[in-house]
Amino acid sequence: MLLVDIVLAVTLVEALVLLAYHRWTGRGLAPRDWLAGLAAGVSLLLALRVGLSGGGAVWIGAALTLSGLAHAADLRLRWRSR
């Protein structure tokens, strides 16, 4: 479970760095290009963490549902850009 926590923390730092870099320089990836994909991945990690800690199926299902919705949003954004 510690490894999942570390990955979540590193992912949060990565998101903050990407956001700050884009905001300060106007370069790099715009948040709309990566935020939905990141949310999908973080939601999967949260589902894993809840499962490893013995959390209930409702919380695991909620995290997986959130991940699926974020993934669908990411696909929709990518599909529109083509």
N, C-alpha and C. Protein backbone atom coordinates (compact mmCIF):
# COMPACT_ATOMS: atom_id res chain seq x y z
N MET A 1 0.83 -1.18 0.00
CA MET A 1 0.00 0.00 0.00
C MET A 1 0.87 1.25 0.00
N LEU A 2 2.03 1.17 0.61
CA LEU A 2 2.95 2.32 0.63
C LEU A 2 3.36 2.70 -0.79
N LEU A 3 3.58 1.71 -1.63
CA LEU A 3 3.96 1.99 -3.01
C LEU A 3 2.86 2.76 -3.74
N VAL A 4 1.61 2.40 -3.53
CA VAL A 4 0.49 3.10 -4.15
C VAL A 4 0.45 4.55 -3.66
N ASP A 5 0.68 4.75 -2.36
CA ASP A 5 0.71 6.11 -1.81
C ASP A 5 1.83 6.94 -2.43
N ILE A 6 2.98 6.32 -2.63
CA ILE A 6 4.11 7.02 -3.26
C ILE A 6 3.77 7.40 -4.69
N VAL A 7 3.18 6.48 -5.43
CA VAL A 7 2.81 6.77 -6.82
C VAL A 7 1.77 7.88 -6.87
N LEU A 8 0.80 7.87 -5.97
CA LEU A 8 -0.19 8.95 -5.92
C LEU A 8 0.47 10.29 -5.62
N ALA A 9 1.40 10.31 -4.69
CA ALA A 9 2.09 11.55 -4.34
C ALA A 9 2.92 12.08 -5.51
N VAL A 10 3.65 11.19 -6.17
CA VAL A 10 4.47 11.60 -7.32
C VAL A 10 3.57 12.12 -8.44
N THR A 11 2.43 11.48 -8.64
CA THR A 11 1.50 11.92 -9.67
C THR A 11 0.94 13.30 -9.35
N LEU A 12 0.64 13.56 -8.10
CA LEU A 12 0.16 14.88 -7.69
C LEU A 12 1.23 15.94 -7.94
N VAL A 13 2.46 15.64 -7.58
CA VAL A 13 3.56 16.58 -7.81
C VAL A 13 3.73 16.83 -9.31
N GLU A 14 3.66 15.77 -10.10
CA GLU A 14 3.77 15.91 -11.56
C GLU A 14 2.68 16.83 -12.10
N ALA A 15 1.46 16.65 -11.64
CA ALA A 15 0.35 17.48 -12.10
C ALA A 15 0.58 18.94 -11.71
N LEU A 16 1.02 19.18 -10.50
CA LEU A 16 1.27 20.56 -10.06
C LEU A 16 2.39 21.21 -10.85
N VAL A 17 3.44 20.46 -11.16
CA VAL A 17 4.55 20.99 -11.96
C VAL A 17 4.08 21.31 -13.37
N LEU A 18 3.34 20.41 -13.99
CA LEU A 18 2.83 20.66 -15.34
C LEU A 18 1.92 21.88 -15.37
N LEU A 19 1.05 21.98 -14.39
CA LEU A 19 0.14 23.12 -14.31
C LEU A 19 0.89 24.43 -14.10
N ALA A 20 1.83 24.44 -13.17
CA ALA A 20 2.61 25.65 -12.89
C ALA A 20 3.44 26.06 -14.10
N TYR A 21 4.09 25.11 -14.74
CA TYR A 21 4.91 25.42 -15.91
C TYR A 21 4.06 26.04 -17.02
N HIS A 22 2.90 25.46 -17.27
CA HIS A 22 2.03 25.99 -18.32
C HIS A 22 1.52 27.38 -17.95
N ARG A 23 1.16 27.55 -16.70
CA ARG A 23 0.62 28.85 -16.26
C ARG A 23 1.69 29.95 -16.31
N TRP A 24 2.91 29.63 -15.90
CA TRP A 24 3.96 30.65 -15.83
C TRP A 24 4.58 30.96 -17.19
N THR A 25 4.68 29.95 -18.06
CA THR A 25 5.38 30.17 -19.33
C THR A 25 4.44 30.21 -20.53
N GLY A 26 3.25 29.66 -20.39
CA GLY A 26 2.36 29.56 -21.53
C GLY A 26 2.75 28.44 -22.48
N ARG A 27 3.76 27.69 -22.12
CA ARG A 27 4.22 26.57 -22.96
C ARG A 27 3.89 25.27 -22.26
N GLY A 28 4.24 24.19 -22.90
CA GLY A 28 3.97 22.88 -22.32
C GLY A 28 2.54 22.44 -22.62
N LEU A 29 2.12 21.42 -21.95
CA LEU A 29 0.80 20.87 -22.19
C LEU A 29 -0.26 21.67 -21.44
N ALA A 30 -1.33 21.99 -22.14
CA ALA A 30 -2.46 22.65 -21.48
C ALA A 30 -3.18 21.62 -20.61
N PRO A 31 -3.69 22.05 -19.47
CA PRO A 31 -4.37 21.10 -18.58
C PRO A 31 -5.51 20.33 -19.25
N ARG A 32 -6.22 20.94 -20.18
CA ARG A 32 -7.31 20.23 -20.85
C ARG A 32 -6.80 19.03 -21.66
N ASP A 33 -5.50 19.04 -21.98
CA ASP A 33 -4.92 17.94 -22.75
C ASP A 33 -4.52 16.74 -21.90
N TRP A 34 -4.40 16.90 -20.59
CA TRP A 34 -3.93 15.80 -19.76
C TRP A 34 -4.73 15.56 -18.48
N LEU A 35 -5.57 16.49 -18.11
CA LEU A 35 -6.23 16.38 -16.82
C LEU A 35 -7.19 15.19 -16.73
N ALA A 36 -7.98 14.95 -17.77
CA ALA A 36 -8.94 13.83 -17.73
C ALA A 36 -8.21 12.49 -17.68
N GLY A 37 -7.14 12.35 -18.44
CA GLY A 37 -6.36 11.11 -18.41
C GLY A 37 -5.71 10.88 -17.06
N LEU A 38 -5.21 11.96 -16.48
CA LEU A 38 -4.62 11.86 -15.14
C LEU A 38 -5.67 11.47 -14.11
N ALA A 39 -6.86 12.05 -14.22
CA ALA A 39 -7.94 11.73 -13.28
C ALA A 39 -8.33 10.25 -13.39
N ALA A 40 -8.34 9.72 -14.61
CA ALA A 40 -8.65 8.30 -14.79
C ALA A 40 -7.61 7.42 -14.10
N GLY A 41 -6.35 7.76 -14.28
CA GLY A 41 -5.28 6.98 -13.65
C GLY A 41 -5.28 7.08 -12.14
N VAL A 42 -5.49 8.28 -11.63
CA VAL A 42 -5.54 8.48 -10.19
C VAL A 42 -6.72 7.72 -9.58
N SER A 43 -7.84 7.72 -10.28
CA SER A 43 -9.01 6.98 -9.79
C SER A 43 -8.74 5.48 -9.73
N LEU A 44 -8.02 4.96 -10.70
CA LEU A 44 -7.66 3.54 -10.66
C LEU A 44 -6.73 3.26 -9.48
N LEU A 45 -5.79 4.16 -9.24
CA LEU A 45 -4.91 3.99 -8.09
C LEU A 45 -5.68 4.04 -6.78
N LEU A 46 -6.66 4.94 -6.71
CA LEU A 46 -7.48 5.01 -5.50
C LEU A 46 -8.29 3.72 -5.30
N ALA A 47 -8.82 3.17 -6.39
CA ALA A 47 -9.54 1.89 -6.28
C ALA A 47 -8.61 0.79 -5.77
N LEU A 48 -7.39 0.77 -6.28
CA LEU A 48 -6.41 -0.21 -5.82
C LEU A 48 -6.09 -0.01 -4.34
N ARG A 49 -5.90 1.24 -3.94
CA ARG A 49 -5.58 1.52 -2.55
C ARG A 49 -6.72 1.11 -1.62
N VAL A 50 -7.94 1.42 -2.01
CA VAL A 50 -9.10 1.03 -1.19
C VAL A 50 -9.18 -0.49 -1.09
N GLY A 51 -8.96 -1.17 -2.20
CA GLY A 51 -8.99 -2.63 -2.19
C GLY A 51 -7.92 -3.23 -1.31
N LEU A 52 -6.71 -2.69 -1.38
CA LEU A 52 -5.62 -3.21 -0.57
C LEU A 52 -5.81 -2.93 0.92
N SER A 53 -6.51 -1.86 1.24
CA SER A 53 -6.71 -1.52 2.64
C SER A 53 -7.96 -2.17 3.23
N GLY A 54 -8.65 -2.98 2.43
CA GLY A 54 -9.82 -3.68 2.94
C GLY A 54 -11.09 -2.86 2.89
N GLY A 55 -11.10 -1.83 2.07
CA GLY A 55 -12.29 -0.99 1.95
C GLY A 55 -13.43 -1.73 1.30
N GLY A 56 -14.59 -1.16 1.42
CA GLY A 56 -15.78 -1.81 0.90
C GLY A 56 -15.89 -1.75 -0.61
N ALA A 57 -16.70 -2.65 -1.12
CA ALA A 57 -16.91 -2.74 -2.55
C ALA A 57 -17.56 -1.48 -3.11
N VAL A 58 -18.35 -0.80 -2.30
CA VAL A 58 -19.00 0.43 -2.77
C VAL A 58 -17.95 1.48 -3.10
N TRP A 59 -16.93 1.63 -2.26
CA TRP A 59 -15.89 2.62 -2.50
C TRP A 59 -15.02 2.24 -3.69
N ILE A 60 -14.74 0.96 -3.82
CA ILE A 60 -13.99 0.50 -4.99
C ILE A 60 -14.79 0.78 -6.26
N GLY A 61 -16.06 0.45 -6.22
CA GLY A 61 -16.93 0.69 -7.37
C GLY A 61 -17.03 2.17 -7.70
N ALA A 62 -17.09 3.01 -6.68
CA ALA A 62 -17.16 4.46 -6.92
C ALA A 62 -15.89 4.96 -7.60
N ALA A 63 -14.74 4.49 -7.14
CA ALA A 63 -13.48 4.90 -7.75
C ALA A 63 -13.37 4.40 -9.19
N LEU A 64 -13.81 3.17 -9.42
CA LEU A 64 -13.78 2.63 -10.78
C LEU A 64 -14.76 3.36 -11.70
N THR A 65 -15.91 3.74 -11.17
CA THR A 65 -16.88 4.51 -11.96
C THR A 65 -16.30 5.86 -12.33
N LEU A 66 -15.68 6.52 -11.36
CA LEU A 66 -15.05 7.81 -11.63
C LEU A 66 -13.95 7.67 -12.68
N SER A 67 -13.19 6.60 -12.60
CA SER A 67 -12.15 6.36 -13.58
C SER A 67 -12.74 6.17 -14.98
N GLY A 68 -13.81 5.42 -15.07
CA GLY A 68 -14.45 5.21 -16.37
C GLY A 68 -15.00 6.51 -16.94
N LEU A 69 -15.59 7.33 -16.10
CA LEU A 69 -16.12 8.62 -16.57
C LEU A 69 -14.99 9.54 -17.04
N ALA A 70 -13.91 9.57 -16.29
CA ALA A 70 -12.77 10.40 -16.69
C ALA A 70 -12.16 9.89 -17.99
N HIS A 71 -12.09 8.58 -18.14
CA HIS A 71 -11.57 7.99 -19.38
C HIS A 71 -12.46 8.35 -20.57
N ALA A 72 -13.77 8.28 -20.37
CA ALA A 72 -14.70 8.66 -21.44
C ALA A 72 -14.54 10.13 -21.80
N ALA A 73 -14.36 10.98 -20.81
CA ALA A 73 -14.14 12.40 -21.08
C ALA A 73 -12.85 12.62 -21.86
N ASP A 74 -11.81 11.89 -21.49
CA ASP A 74 -10.53 11.99 -22.20
C ASP A 74 -10.69 11.56 -23.65
N LEU A 75 -11.38 10.45 -23.88
CA LEU A 75 -11.60 9.99 -25.24
C LEU A 75 -12.41 11.01 -26.05
N ARG A 76 -13.42 11.58 -25.43
CA ARG A 76 -14.25 12.56 -26.12
C ARG A 76 -13.42 13.78 -26.53
N LEU A 77 -12.58 14.26 -25.62
CA LEU A 77 -11.73 15.41 -25.95
C LEU A 77 -10.75 15.08 -27.08
N ARG A 78 -10.18 13.89 -27.04
CA ARG A 78 -9.24 13.50 -28.09
C ARG A 78 -9.94 13.30 -29.43
N TRP A 79 -11.12 12.75 -29.39
CA TRP A 79 -11.87 12.49 -30.61
C TRP A 79 -12.23 13.83 -31.30
N ARG A 80 -12.62 14.82 -30.49
CA ARG A 80 -12.97 16.14 -31.03
C ARG A 80 -11.77 16.82 -31.69
N SER A 81 -10.59 16.60 -31.16
CA SER A 81 -9.42 17.29 -31.67
C SER A 81 -8.94 16.74 -33.02
N ARG A 82 -9.48 15.62 -33.42
CA ARG A 82 -9.08 15.04 -34.71
C ARG A 82 -9.90 15.58 -35.77
